[in-house]
Each structure stands twice: as structure tokens, then as C-alpha cells.
Protein backbone atom coordinates (compact mmCIF):
# COMPACT_ATOMS: atom_id res chain seq x y z
CA MET A 1 -23.29 9.50 -31.14
CA THR A 2 -22.20 6.39 -29.26
CA ASP A 3 -18.68 5.56 -28.13
CA ALA A 4 -18.61 2.72 -30.65
CA THR A 5 -19.58 5.09 -33.47
CA ARG A 6 -16.93 7.60 -32.48
CA ALA A 7 -14.32 4.87 -32.28
CA ALA A 8 -15.30 3.48 -35.69
CA GLU A 9 -15.15 6.91 -37.34
CA SER A 10 -11.73 7.55 -35.84
CA GLY A 11 -10.41 4.16 -36.91
CA GLY A 12 -10.29 2.87 -33.36
CA THR A 13 -11.74 -0.16 -31.65
CA PRO A 14 -15.24 0.09 -30.15
CA VAL A 15 -15.06 0.12 -26.38
CA ALA A 16 -17.55 0.00 -23.55
CA LEU A 17 -18.74 3.27 -22.06
CA GLY A 18 -16.18 4.68 -19.65
CA MET A 19 -13.45 2.19 -20.55
CA PRO A 20 -10.10 3.44 -21.88
CA GLN A 21 -9.42 2.88 -25.56
CA LEU A 22 -6.56 0.50 -26.25
CA PRO A 23 -3.71 0.41 -26.85
CA ALA A 24 -2.84 2.70 -23.98
CA PRO A 25 -0.47 5.59 -24.70
CA ASP A 26 3.21 4.96 -24.06
CA PHE A 27 5.44 6.86 -21.65
CA PRO A 28 7.41 9.76 -23.19
CA ALA A 29 10.62 8.44 -24.73
CA GLU A 30 12.93 9.80 -22.04
CA VAL A 31 10.75 8.40 -19.23
CA ARG A 32 10.47 5.03 -20.90
CA GLU A 33 14.23 4.82 -21.38
CA ARG A 34 14.85 5.56 -17.71
CA LEU A 35 12.19 3.11 -16.52
CA ALA A 36 13.41 0.44 -18.90
CA ALA A 37 16.86 0.53 -17.31
CA ASP A 38 15.29 0.08 -13.87
CA ALA A 39 13.00 -2.65 -15.21
CA ARG A 40 15.91 -4.61 -16.65
CA GLU A 41 17.60 -4.50 -13.25
CA ILE A 42 14.45 -5.86 -11.60
CA ILE A 43 14.00 -8.58 -14.21
CA SER A 44 17.61 -9.72 -13.78
CA ARG A 45 16.83 -10.76 -10.20
CA TYR A 46 14.47 -13.55 -11.28
CA PRO A 47 15.02 -16.77 -13.24
CA ASP A 48 11.53 -16.35 -14.73
CA SER A 49 10.81 -12.80 -15.87
CA ARG A 50 7.09 -13.19 -15.04
CA SER A 51 8.07 -13.20 -11.37
CA ALA A 52 9.19 -9.58 -11.74
CA LEU A 53 5.65 -8.29 -12.28
CA LEU A 54 4.91 -7.26 -8.67
CA PRO A 55 8.02 -5.08 -8.25
CA MET A 56 7.52 -3.78 -11.79
CA LEU A 57 4.06 -2.54 -10.82
CA HIS A 58 5.61 -0.77 -7.84
CA LEU A 59 8.14 0.77 -10.24
CA VAL A 60 5.50 2.34 -12.47
CA GLN A 61 3.52 3.39 -9.39
CA ALA A 62 6.62 5.20 -8.16
CA GLU A 63 6.72 7.08 -11.45
CA GLU A 64 3.09 8.21 -11.64
CA GLY A 65 1.74 7.73 -8.13
CA TRP A 66 -0.68 5.08 -9.41
CA VAL A 67 -0.77 2.17 -11.85
CA SER A 68 -2.16 3.66 -15.04
CA ALA A 69 -2.99 1.92 -18.31
CA THR A 70 0.31 3.30 -19.59
CA GLY A 71 2.14 1.71 -16.67
CA MET A 72 0.45 -1.63 -17.28
CA ARG A 73 1.32 -1.47 -20.97
CA PHE A 74 4.96 -0.85 -20.06
CA CYS A 75 5.00 -3.86 -17.70
CA ALA A 76 3.37 -6.09 -20.31
CA GLU A 77 5.86 -5.14 -22.99
CA MET A 78 8.91 -5.50 -20.77
CA LEU A 79 7.81 -8.90 -19.46
CA ASP A 80 6.26 -10.26 -22.66
CA LEU A 81 2.86 -10.56 -20.99
CA THR A 82 -0.58 -9.67 -22.29
CA PRO A 83 -2.28 -6.52 -20.97
CA ALA A 84 -4.96 -8.81 -19.50
CA GLU A 85 -2.38 -10.72 -17.46
CA VAL A 86 -0.94 -7.51 -16.04
CA THR A 87 -4.36 -6.02 -15.37
CA ALA A 88 -5.44 -9.15 -13.49
CA VAL A 89 -2.54 -8.78 -11.06
CA ALA A 90 -2.75 -4.98 -10.73
CA THR A 91 -6.45 -5.15 -9.85
CA PHE A 92 -6.07 -8.07 -7.42
CA TYR A 93 -3.70 -6.40 -4.95
CA THR A 94 -5.08 -3.38 -3.11
CA MET A 95 -1.65 -1.80 -2.63
CA TYR A 96 -1.66 -0.80 -6.30
CA ARG A 97 -3.63 2.38 -6.85
CA ARG A 98 -5.91 2.37 -9.90
CA LYS A 99 -6.51 6.11 -10.02
CA PRO A 100 -4.35 9.18 -9.31
CA SER A 101 -3.40 9.22 -5.65
CA GLY A 102 -2.32 11.74 -3.07
CA GLU A 103 1.21 12.52 -2.00
CA HIS A 104 0.59 10.41 1.10
CA GLN A 105 -1.49 7.26 1.43
CA VAL A 106 -3.22 7.10 4.83
CA GLY A 107 -4.71 3.73 5.71
CA VAL A 108 -6.78 3.04 8.81
CA CYS A 109 -6.98 -0.57 9.93
CA THR A 110 -10.63 -1.56 10.35
CA ASN A 111 -10.15 -5.26 11.01
CA THR A 112 -11.67 -6.67 14.17
CA LEU A 113 -9.34 -5.64 17.00
CA CYS A 114 -8.43 -2.23 15.59
CA ALA A 115 -12.10 -1.62 14.80
CA VAL A 116 -13.39 -2.36 18.29
CA LEU A 117 -10.59 -0.34 19.88
CA GLY A 118 -11.40 2.73 17.81
CA GLY A 119 -10.36 2.11 14.22
CA ASP A 120 -13.88 2.45 12.85
CA ALA A 121 -14.35 5.73 14.73
CA ILE A 122 -10.97 7.04 13.49
CA PHE A 123 -11.83 6.17 9.89
CA ALA A 124 -15.23 7.85 10.14
CA ALA A 125 -13.68 10.95 11.73
CA LEU A 126 -11.00 11.23 9.03
CA ARG A 127 -13.57 10.85 6.26
CA GLU A 128 -15.45 13.81 7.71
CA HIS A 129 -12.29 15.78 8.50
CA LEU A 130 -10.85 15.38 4.99
CA GLU A 131 -14.25 15.48 3.29
CA VAL A 132 -13.48 12.34 1.27
CA ASP A 133 -14.87 8.85 0.94
CA ASN A 134 -12.91 5.62 1.07
CA GLY A 135 -10.17 5.85 -1.56
CA GLY A 136 -10.69 9.57 -1.98
CA THR A 137 -8.01 12.26 -2.05
CA SER A 138 -8.13 15.60 -0.25
CA GLU A 139 -8.65 18.68 -2.41
CA ASP A 140 -5.02 19.75 -2.03
CA GLY A 141 -3.82 16.40 -3.35
CA LYS A 142 -1.85 15.67 -0.19
CA VAL A 143 -3.71 12.75 1.40
CA THR A 144 -5.56 9.72 0.06
CA LEU A 145 -7.62 7.93 2.71
CA GLU A 146 -8.61 4.26 2.74
CA HIS A 147 -9.46 1.53 5.20
CA ILE A 148 -7.01 -1.35 5.16
CA GLU A 149 -6.86 -4.95 6.24
CA CYS A 150 -4.95 -6.34 9.22
CA ASN A 151 -1.28 -5.35 9.36
CA ALA A 152 -0.29 -7.86 12.05
CA ALA A 153 0.00 -5.11 14.65
CA CYS A 154 -2.98 -5.96 16.84
CA ASP A 155 -1.04 -5.35 20.05
CA TYR A 156 -0.69 -1.69 18.99
CA ALA A 157 -4.32 -1.21 17.96
CA PRO A 158 -5.76 0.96 16.63
CA VAL A 159 -3.15 1.37 13.90
CA VAL A 160 -2.90 3.93 11.10
CA MET A 161 -0.38 3.52 8.29
CA VAL A 162 1.11 6.28 6.15
CA ASN A 163 2.87 5.07 3.02
CA TRP A 164 3.09 1.65 4.73
CA GLU A 165 4.80 2.97 7.88
CA PHE A 166 3.17 2.37 11.28
CA PHE A 167 1.52 4.91 13.54
CA ASP A 168 0.41 2.89 16.56
CA ASN A 169 -2.12 3.40 19.36
CA GLN A 170 -3.97 6.14 17.53
CA THR A 171 -6.95 8.17 18.67
CA ILE A 172 -9.31 10.37 16.70
CA GLU A 173 -7.40 13.44 17.85
CA SER A 174 -3.94 12.06 17.05
CA ALA A 175 -5.08 10.80 13.64
CA LYS A 176 -6.53 14.19 12.75
CA LYS A 177 -3.29 15.88 13.78
CA LEU A 178 -1.36 13.36 11.69
CA VAL A 179 -3.22 14.15 8.48
CA ASP A 180 -3.12 17.89 9.23
CA ASP A 181 0.67 17.71 9.64
CA LEU A 182 0.98 15.78 6.37
CA ARG A 183 -1.08 18.36 4.52
CA ALA A 184 0.93 21.20 6.02
CA GLY A 185 4.25 19.58 5.11
CA ARG A 186 5.30 19.22 8.73
CA GLU A 187 7.57 16.35 9.75
CA VAL A 188 5.82 13.29 11.10
CA ILE A 189 7.69 10.40 12.67
CA PRO A 190 6.35 6.83 12.50
CA THR A 191 6.06 4.91 15.74
CA ARG A 192 8.42 2.32 14.28
CA GLY A 193 10.01 1.50 10.99
CA ALA A 194 11.77 3.78 8.56
CA PRO A 195 11.45 7.57 8.49
CA LEU A 196 8.51 8.67 6.41
CA THR A 197 8.86 9.21 2.69
CA ASP A 198 6.08 10.07 0.25
CA PHE A 199 3.96 7.44 -1.46
CA ARG A 200 6.02 7.41 -4.66
CA GLY A 201 9.23 7.06 -2.67
CA ALA A 202 7.77 4.14 -0.74
CA ALA A 203 6.70 2.50 -4.00
CA ARG A 204 10.24 2.70 -5.38
CA ILE A 205 11.61 1.06 -2.23
CA LEU A 206 8.99 -1.70 -2.59
CA ALA A 207 10.20 -2.17 -6.17
CA GLY A 208 13.48 -3.28 -4.62
CA PHE A 209 15.63 -0.18 -4.92
CA PRO A 210 17.61 1.10 -1.93
CA ASP A 211 16.46 4.02 0.17
CA GLU A 212 19.09 6.61 -0.73
CA ARG A 213 18.15 9.17 1.91
CA PRO A 214 21.10 9.81 4.24
CA ASP A 215 20.90 7.67 7.40
CA ALA A 216 17.33 6.55 6.56
CA VAL A 217 18.00 2.88 7.18
CA ALA A 218 19.99 3.47 10.37
CA ALA A 219 17.19 5.68 11.71
CA SER A 220 14.59 2.91 11.48
CA GLY A 221 13.05 2.25 14.85
CA ALA A 222 11.00 -0.37 16.66
CA ALA A 223 8.07 -0.09 19.03
CA GLY A 224 9.49 -2.54 21.52
CA PRO A 225 8.86 -6.16 22.43
CA ALA A 226 5.09 -5.94 22.89
CA THR A 227 4.51 -8.55 20.19
CA MET A 228 6.06 -11.09 22.58
CA ALA A 229 3.72 -10.22 25.45
CA GLY A 230 1.21 -12.94 24.64
CA LEU A 231 3.93 -15.58 24.51
CA GLU A 232 5.34 -14.47 27.84
CA ILE A 233 1.91 -14.59 29.49
CA ALA A 234 1.30 -18.05 28.03
CA ARG A 235 4.55 -19.26 29.50
CA GLU A 236 3.72 -17.79 32.92
CA VAL A 237 0.35 -19.52 33.12
CA GLY A 238 1.50 -22.73 31.41
CA ALA A 239 -0.80 -22.32 28.41
CA GLY A 240 0.04 -23.83 25.06
CA ALA A 241 -1.36 -25.26 21.88
CA PRO A 242 -3.29 -28.57 22.06
CA GLY A 243 -0.85 -31.44 21.89
CA SER A 244 2.06 -29.44 23.30
CA PRO A 245 3.41 -30.23 26.78
CA ALA A 246 2.21 -26.90 28.14
CA GLY A 247 -1.16 -27.32 26.48
CA ASP A 248 -1.65 -30.80 27.93
CA ASP A 249 -0.65 -29.61 31.41
CA SER A 250 -3.02 -26.66 31.30
CA ARG A 251 -5.93 -28.91 30.33
CA GLU A 252 -5.17 -31.27 33.20
CA GLU A 253 -5.08 -28.36 35.62
CA ARG A 254 -8.48 -27.14 34.44
CA ARG A 255 -9.96 -30.61 35.07
């Protein structure tokens, strides 16, 4: 019997093989009521409710750990959008998970500088160590691994991120220890930024709600002024962009 036949006999709509049947199920009443209160707070921040979609997707991701069909239905209904409009946004941005995710999201930067300084090797080692592929979750449900795009931290390459917090200057050994500590529930401290929370907690913060952990904001750290190193070197050698005084001088000197 085909999916279409089963759907017709059950009074449903024929759907393609492997696709969820619509409409998606709703959240339980008590969950929906709680999320709706948060959603109304988010929507109130914007003159056009459609602009609230990105933080709304983070809100439902904070609830389930991923953006499910139920979560997308909730966003569509709260914002008076079609499911297709919500799905288009949720599938465009890679920070929204489209399948159940681990307690911690571990991303290894594999863009050019991180890759050549060891990011590719770190990613390959973690895939073998966790026995997962890109986007896969460890058997204990603790860690989801993926390669990620540039995070504007090239001066700290290679960089690993956990729930969007930075772990700089990583090696294969340090990255393995990092995921082992996460799986064991041991404390890990980001190189800079806020203290680590789990993936759902990070999603709620990205939805625009305050981090309510005691002293979490005050404890946020920085890696130092390395991001200014290139500018300082340029000033020392008189280099600059074409058309700038320093740039013109440096070209004359080279002639």
C-alpha cells in the first residue's frame, strides 16, 4: 500500500514518501500557553510582526532542542504566516536544527584559515572519536557535531564553538578532551564569551531573553586584543588601503 493510499483511507492528504503529513501536531496545551506568552513578548518588540520570526524560531528551538514541524506551525500561527514562509526561513539558516539535536552543539570551523591550521584535521578526528558524521549526534545524546562557516575569529584559529561560545586555538587533543568533558558532564570554560550553557539555553538567549544564571553576564570574558594585531602591524609598516594616505605612501616606498 502506498503512502497516498494510506492517507486517502485515513482521510488525510496524500504526501510524498518520507514527508510529514500536514497539518503538524500542536504543542500540548500547557506548553503552547507558556510559549505563546513568550512569543507575544517577542512580537511586541517589532513594528512588523513578521520581523519576529528569527527569534521565534530560536524560542521553539529552546523548547524542543530543534525546529520541528510543530514548532514551525506554532510560529506560523502566532505571526499569521503560511507554513511555507516559516519553513523557507527555518531551512535557510544553518543555526536552526531540523532534526533532534544533542545537549551540546559542537561546531568546528573548516573555513580557509582554520582549515589549513588544523580545523579539517580536528573535524575528522572528532567524527572518528564520536563515531558520527556531519550533523550527527553521539549515542548518549550529549554532543551533536557539525562543521561551521567562518566565525570572524581567524586570529584564534583553529576555532571550535560549543553552543555558539568560542574555544580558540584548538588542537586534536584539546578538542577530544572538550567533547569528552561535555559528555561526562564536567565543567568546560570557553576561551571568551559567556559561561557555557546547554544548546537549549543558548537558543533561549538568542530568542532575546536574559540569561538568568547568577553572575553569568558579569563572568563573560575576552581573549584579549589580538583582533587588533593586524591593524597595529599595518600602522607600524605604513600599510593601508588603496587611496588612503598610508596606502599611497606604502606604494611610493615600494617603487
